[in-house]
Every structure is written in C-alpha cells, then in structure tokens.
C-alpha cells in the first residue's frame, strides 16, 4: 500500500479493529504521527523525537538519529475523562499517581461544564506518566479510577 501511495519517508498512522467474529476492519491510514501523546511518550522513553523527524521528513531534510532503540523506563500516556456530565469541580489525584506524573495538561477549570466521556472530543486533559516497573504500570493503568478522579457537581 505504501508503494502504491508513493510514501518513502515520514510518519504513518493507521487504525484497525477486529469485530467479535474476527472480521478485520481498516479504519484509517494517514500521513501523521499517532494521537494520545504517542510521539511524546516515545521521546521520553527513547530520546528519539518523532515530531522533529516528521517535520524534517516533510521538509526533505534528513532524519538523523532515527533508529530502533530500547526504551528506558516504563511510560504511559493518560487521557483525562469524566465518568459523568456536570460542572467540573476538581481533578483529584492520589499521592501515588502524583509521583508518576511527568507532564500534565488540564484543559478545564472549576466551573466549566464537562461531559461524560463518549469520544475524544470529551477529553479534559492529558498526562504522561513514568512507572518504576512494568508490573506497577499495568496494575495502576488497569485501576486508574482509584488514582485519578474528575470531580463534578
């Protein structure tokens, strides 16, 4: 497919799903980096700046330093969502999760109307988290509602 499109250099994002009966559905193919802070997390984990490489590729410049590298640490992005609609009061964070937050960007303030999460347009903010081990990361991500809560009235 890339050959048919004439793509030789640059970012490529694709999304697909499998239905419950195993049917493959191709949803998207686009010349861009992935969403949900994926390039930023990769940069933290590998020190490879995919955003810079994407811009350089678009300008016809070399993508120096672009190589597969092992990750350093255990990283995750997290999209902040509300479990119900209402008026945003606060973002409650446990002490345990506060110690893991490397970057945080919250787009709402107290008094703003928020919606129960139904799609990406209901996202209230983003975080990049660093964990001490794979086990810790998986356990905390699987139980994030214990450590991060959007409080609404």
C-alpha atoms as a PDB file:
ATOM      1  CA  UNK A   1       0.000   0.000   0.000  1.00  0.00           C
ATOM      2  CA  UNK A   2       2.818   2.417   0.844  1.00  0.00           C
ATOM      3  CA  UNK A   3       4.411   1.744  -2.531  1.00  0.00           C
ATOM      4  CA  UNK A   4       1.137   2.489  -4.306  1.00  0.00           C
ATOM      5  CA  UNK A   5       0.884   5.771  -2.410  1.00  0.00           C
ATOM      6  CA  UNK A   6       4.500   6.668  -3.176  1.00  0.00           C
ATOM      7  CA  UNK A   7       5.349   7.018   0.527  1.00  0.00           C
ATOM      8  CA  UNK A   8       9.047   6.600   1.256  1.00  0.00           C
ATOM      9  CA  UNK A   9       9.713   8.776   4.297  1.00  0.00           C
ATOM     10  CA  UNK A  10       7.585  10.219   7.062  1.00  0.00           C
ATOM     11  CA  UNK A  11       5.079   9.335   9.720  1.00  0.00           C
ATOM     12  CA  UNK A  12       2.222   6.935   9.115  1.00  0.00           C
ATOM     13  CA  UNK A  13      -0.739   6.329  11.391  1.00  0.00           C
ATOM     14  CA  UNK A  14      -3.194   3.515  10.877  1.00  0.00           C
ATOM     15  CA  UNK A  15      -6.136   2.218  12.865  1.00  0.00           C
ATOM     16  CA  UNK A  16      -7.966  -1.067  12.536  1.00  0.00           C
ATOM     17  CA  UNK A  17     -10.259  -3.244  14.626  1.00  0.00           C
ATOM     18  CA  UNK A  18     -11.452  -6.808  14.679  1.00  0.00           C
ATOM     19  CA  UNK A  19     -15.132  -7.492  15.250  1.00  0.00           C
ATOM     20  CA  UNK A  20     -16.307 -10.078  17.767  1.00  0.00           C
ATOM     21  CA  UNK A  21     -16.495 -12.647  14.948  1.00  0.00           C
ATOM     22  CA  UNK A  22     -12.939 -11.892  13.807  1.00  0.00           C
ATOM     23  CA  UNK A  23     -13.787  -9.652  10.830  1.00  0.00           C
ATOM     24  CA  UNK A  24     -10.981  -7.166  10.086  1.00  0.00           C
ATOM     25  CA  UNK A  25     -11.960  -3.508   9.595  1.00  0.00           C
ATOM     26  CA  UNK A  26      -9.437  -0.963   8.367  1.00  0.00           C
ATOM     27  CA  UNK A  27     -10.471   2.421   9.809  1.00  0.00           C
ATOM     28  CA  UNK A  28      -7.802   4.942   8.896  1.00  0.00           C
ATOM     29  CA  UNK A  29      -4.493   5.437   7.140  1.00  0.00           C
ATOM     30  CA  UNK A  30      -2.912   8.863   7.377  1.00  0.00           C
ATOM     31  CA  UNK A  31       0.469  10.572   6.938  1.00  0.00           C
ATOM     32  CA  UNK A  32       0.784  11.705  10.555  1.00  0.00           C
ATOM     33  CA  UNK A  33       2.089  10.663  13.947  1.00  0.00           C
ATOM     34  CA  UNK A  34      -0.367   8.852  16.186  1.00  0.00           C
ATOM     35  CA  UNK A  35      -2.502  10.634  18.751  1.00  0.00           C
ATOM     36  CA  UNK A  36      -2.814  10.282  22.523  1.00  0.00           C
ATOM     37  CA  UNK A  37       0.702  11.683  23.042  1.00  0.00           C
ATOM     38  CA  UNK A  38       2.332   8.626  21.443  1.00  0.00           C
ATOM     39  CA  UNK A  39       5.256  10.594  19.894  1.00  0.00           C
ATOM     40  CA  UNK A  40       5.833  12.423  23.181  1.00  0.00           C
ATOM     41  CA  UNK A  41       5.859   9.170  25.183  1.00  0.00           C
ATOM     42  CA  UNK A  42       8.262   7.610  22.665  1.00  0.00           C
ATOM     43  CA  UNK A  43      10.549  10.649  23.021  1.00  0.00           C
ATOM     44  CA  UNK A  44      10.616  10.289  26.812  1.00  0.00           C
ATOM     45  CA  UNK A  45      11.221   6.534  26.590  1.00  0.00           C
ATOM     46  CA  UNK A  46      13.870   6.547  23.837  1.00  0.00           C
ATOM     47  CA  UNK A  47      15.079  10.145  23.407  1.00  0.00           C
ATOM     48  CA  UNK A  48      14.029   9.901  19.743  1.00  0.00           C
ATOM     49  CA  UNK A  49      11.984  12.942  18.726  1.00  0.00           C
ATOM     50  CA  UNK A  50       9.461  11.650  16.189  1.00  0.00           C
ATOM     51  CA  UNK A  51       7.862  15.077  15.865  1.00  0.00           C
ATOM     52  CA  UNK A  52      11.177  16.600  14.768  1.00  0.00           C
ATOM     53  CA  UNK A  53      11.759  13.683  12.386  1.00  0.00           C
ATOM     54  CA  UNK A  54       8.279  14.108  10.895  1.00  0.00           C
ATOM     55  CA  UNK A  55       8.856  17.816  10.262  1.00  0.00           C
ATOM     56  CA  UNK A  56      12.304  17.119   8.802  1.00  0.00           C
ATOM     57  CA  UNK A  57      10.881  14.423   6.506  1.00  0.00           C
ATOM     58  CA  UNK A  58       8.160  16.800   5.291  1.00  0.00           C
ATOM     59  CA  UNK A  59      10.834  19.397   4.502  1.00  0.00           C
ATOM     60  CA  UNK A  60      13.054  16.888   2.718  1.00  0.00           C
ATOM     61  CA  UNK A  61      15.690  17.077   5.459  1.00  0.00           C
ATOM     62  CA  UNK A  62      17.476  14.036   6.891  1.00  0.00           C
ATOM     63  CA  UNK A  63      16.010  12.260   9.913  1.00  0.00           C
ATOM     64  CA  UNK A  64      19.295  11.811  11.759  1.00  0.00           C
ATOM     65  CA  UNK A  65      19.233   9.567  14.791  1.00  0.00           C
ATOM     66  CA  UNK A  66      16.059   7.753  13.805  1.00  0.00           C
ATOM     67  CA  UNK A  67      16.597   4.135  14.813  1.00  0.00           C
ATOM     68  CA  UNK A  68      15.025   1.419  16.907  1.00  0.00           C
ATOM     69  CA  UNK A  69      16.223   1.879  20.479  1.00  0.00           C
ATOM     70  CA  UNK A  70      15.327   0.044  23.662  1.00  0.00           C
ATOM     71  CA  UNK A  71      13.113   2.018  25.991  1.00  0.00           C
ATOM     72  CA  UNK A  72      14.394   3.491  29.218  1.00  0.00           C
ATOM     73  CA  UNK A  73      11.731   3.002  31.881  1.00  0.00           C
ATOM     74  CA  UNK A  74       8.013   2.317  31.784  1.00  0.00           C
ATOM     75  CA  UNK A  75       5.904   5.063  30.258  1.00  0.00           C
ATOM     76  CA  UNK A  76       2.248   5.705  29.525  1.00  0.00           C
ATOM     77  CA  UNK A  77       0.015   8.485  28.345  1.00  0.00           C
ATOM     78  CA  UNK A  78      -3.324   9.039  30.038  1.00  0.00           C
ATOM     79  CA  UNK A  79      -6.310  10.936  28.695  1.00  0.00           C
ATOM     80  CA  UNK A  80      -8.409  12.540  31.449  1.00  0.00           C
ATOM     81  CA  UNK A  81     -12.150  11.885  31.128  1.00  0.00           C
ATOM     82  CA  UNK A  82     -15.208  12.406  33.288  1.00  0.00           C
ATOM     83  CA  UNK A  83     -17.421   9.448  34.181  1.00  0.00           C
ATOM     84  CA  UNK A  84     -20.454  11.751  34.288  1.00  0.00           C
ATOM     85  CA  UNK A  85     -21.649  15.077  32.921  1.00  0.00           C
ATOM     86  CA  UNK A  86     -21.840  18.122  35.160  1.00  0.00           C
ATOM     87  CA  UNK A  87     -19.854  21.096  36.375  1.00  0.00           C
ATOM     88  CA  UNK A  88     -16.139  20.477  36.855  1.00  0.00           C
ATOM     89  CA  UNK A  89     -15.098  20.928  40.489  1.00  0.00           C
ATOM     90  CA  UNK A  90     -11.590  19.471  40.629  1.00  0.00           C
ATOM     91  CA  UNK A  91      -9.202  16.808  39.430  1.00  0.00           C
ATOM     92  CA  UNK A  92      -8.410  14.585  42.414  1.00  0.00           C
ATOM     93  CA  UNK A  93      -5.044  12.819  42.268  1.00  0.00           C
ATOM     94  CA  UNK A  94      -3.733  10.253  44.744  1.00  0.00           C
ATOM     95  CA  UNK A  95      -0.270  10.792  46.203  1.00  0.00           C
ATOM     96  CA  UNK A  96       0.812   7.613  44.418  1.00  0.00           C
ATOM     97  CA  UNK A  97      -0.111   8.948  40.962  1.00  0.00           C
ATOM     98  CA  UNK A  98       1.239  12.450  41.666  1.00  0.00           C
ATOM     99  CA  UNK A  99       4.701  10.900  41.970  1.00  0.00           C
ATOM    100  CA  UNK A 100       4.315   9.334  38.492  1.00  0.00           C
ATOM    101  CA  UNK A 101       3.199  12.438  36.545  1.00  0.00           C
ATOM    102  CA  UNK A 102       5.945  13.787  34.269  1.00  0.00           C
ATOM    103  CA  UNK A 103       3.717  16.090  32.184  1.00  0.00           C
ATOM    104  CA  UNK A 104       0.162  17.249  32.800  1.00  0.00           C
ATOM    105  CA  UNK A 105      -2.068  19.478  30.681  1.00  0.00           C
ATOM    106  CA  UNK A 106      -5.598  20.011  32.013  1.00  0.00           C
ATOM    107  CA  UNK A 107      -7.908  21.986  29.739  1.00  0.00           C
ATOM    108  CA  UNK A 108     -10.791  22.686  32.140  1.00  0.00           C
ATOM    109  CA  UNK A 109     -11.099  24.847  35.223  1.00  0.00           C
ATOM    110  CA  UNK A 110     -13.555  24.781  38.128  1.00  0.00           C
ATOM    111  CA  UNK A 111     -16.992  25.866  36.971  1.00  0.00           C
ATOM    112  CA  UNK A 112     -16.622  24.586  33.398  1.00  0.00           C
ATOM    113  CA  UNK A 113     -19.280  22.260  32.040  1.00  0.00           C
ATOM    114  CA  UNK A 114     -17.956  18.780  31.253  1.00  0.00           C
ATOM    115  CA  UNK A 115     -19.498  15.801  29.504  1.00  0.00           C
ATOM    116  CA  UNK A 116     -19.422  12.142  30.366  1.00  0.00           C
ATOM    117  CA  UNK A 117     -16.783  10.617  28.116  1.00  0.00           C
ATOM    118  CA  UNK A 118     -18.326   9.371  24.876  1.00  0.00           C
ATOM    119  CA  UNK A 119     -15.497  10.230  22.482  1.00  0.00           C
ATOM    120  CA  UNK A 120     -12.194  12.056  22.185  1.00  0.00           C
ATOM    121  CA  UNK A 121     -13.971  15.423  21.993  1.00  0.00           C
ATOM    122  CA  UNK A 122     -14.897  14.903  25.682  1.00  0.00           C
ATOM    123  CA  UNK A 123     -11.248  14.641  26.804  1.00  0.00           C
ATOM    124  CA  UNK A 124     -10.458  17.069  29.638  1.00  0.00           C
ATOM    125  CA  UNK A 125      -6.684  16.839  29.584  1.00  0.00           C
ATOM    126  CA  UNK A 126      -3.631  14.666  29.143  1.00  0.00           C
ATOM    127  CA  UNK A 127      -0.792  13.251  31.216  1.00  0.00           C
ATOM    128  CA  UNK A 128       2.478  11.462  30.631  1.00  0.00           C
ATOM    129  CA  UNK A 129       3.323   9.036  33.412  1.00  0.00           C
ATOM    130  CA  UNK A 130       6.506   7.168  34.315  1.00  0.00           C
ATOM    131  CA  UNK A 131       6.395   3.998  36.393  1.00  0.00           C
ATOM    132  CA  UNK A 132       9.045   2.035  38.263  1.00  0.00           C
ATOM    133  CA  UNK A 133       8.227  -1.332  36.679  1.00  0.00           C
ATOM    134  CA  UNK A 134       6.037  -2.992  34.065  1.00  0.00           C
ATOM    135  CA  UNK A 135       4.015  -4.626  36.836  1.00  0.00           C
ATOM    136  CA  UNK A 136       3.367  -1.295  38.554  1.00  0.00           C
ATOM    137  CA  UNK A 137       2.399   0.352  35.270  1.00  0.00           C
ATOM    138  CA  UNK A 138      -0.058  -2.374  34.275  1.00  0.00           C
ATOM    139  CA  UNK A 139      -1.618  -2.524  37.736  1.00  0.00           C
ATOM    140  CA  UNK A 140      -2.065   1.242  38.001  1.00  0.00           C
ATOM    141  CA  UNK A 141      -3.310   1.723  34.438  1.00  0.00           C
ATOM    142  CA  UNK A 142      -5.844  -1.081  34.927  1.00  0.00           C
ATOM    143  CA  UNK A 143      -7.136   0.677  38.068  1.00  0.00           C
ATOM    144  CA  UNK A 144      -6.673   4.331  37.164  1.00  0.00           C
ATOM    145  CA  UNK A 145     -10.050   5.360  38.606  1.00  0.00           C
ATOM    146  CA  UNK A 146      -8.517   4.667  42.029  1.00  0.00           C
ATOM    147  CA  UNK A 147      -5.810   7.314  41.500  1.00  0.00           C
ATOM    148  CA  UNK A 148      -7.313   9.903  39.128  1.00  0.00           C
ATOM    149  CA  UNK A 149     -10.863  11.206  39.560  1.00  0.00           C
ATOM    150  CA  UNK A 150     -12.702  14.009  37.829  1.00  0.00           C
ATOM    151  CA  UNK A 151     -14.979  15.506  40.495  1.00  0.00           C
ATOM    152  CA  UNK A 152     -18.152  17.076  39.082  1.00  0.00           C
ATOM    153  CA  UNK A 153     -21.190  18.686  40.703  1.00  0.00           C
END
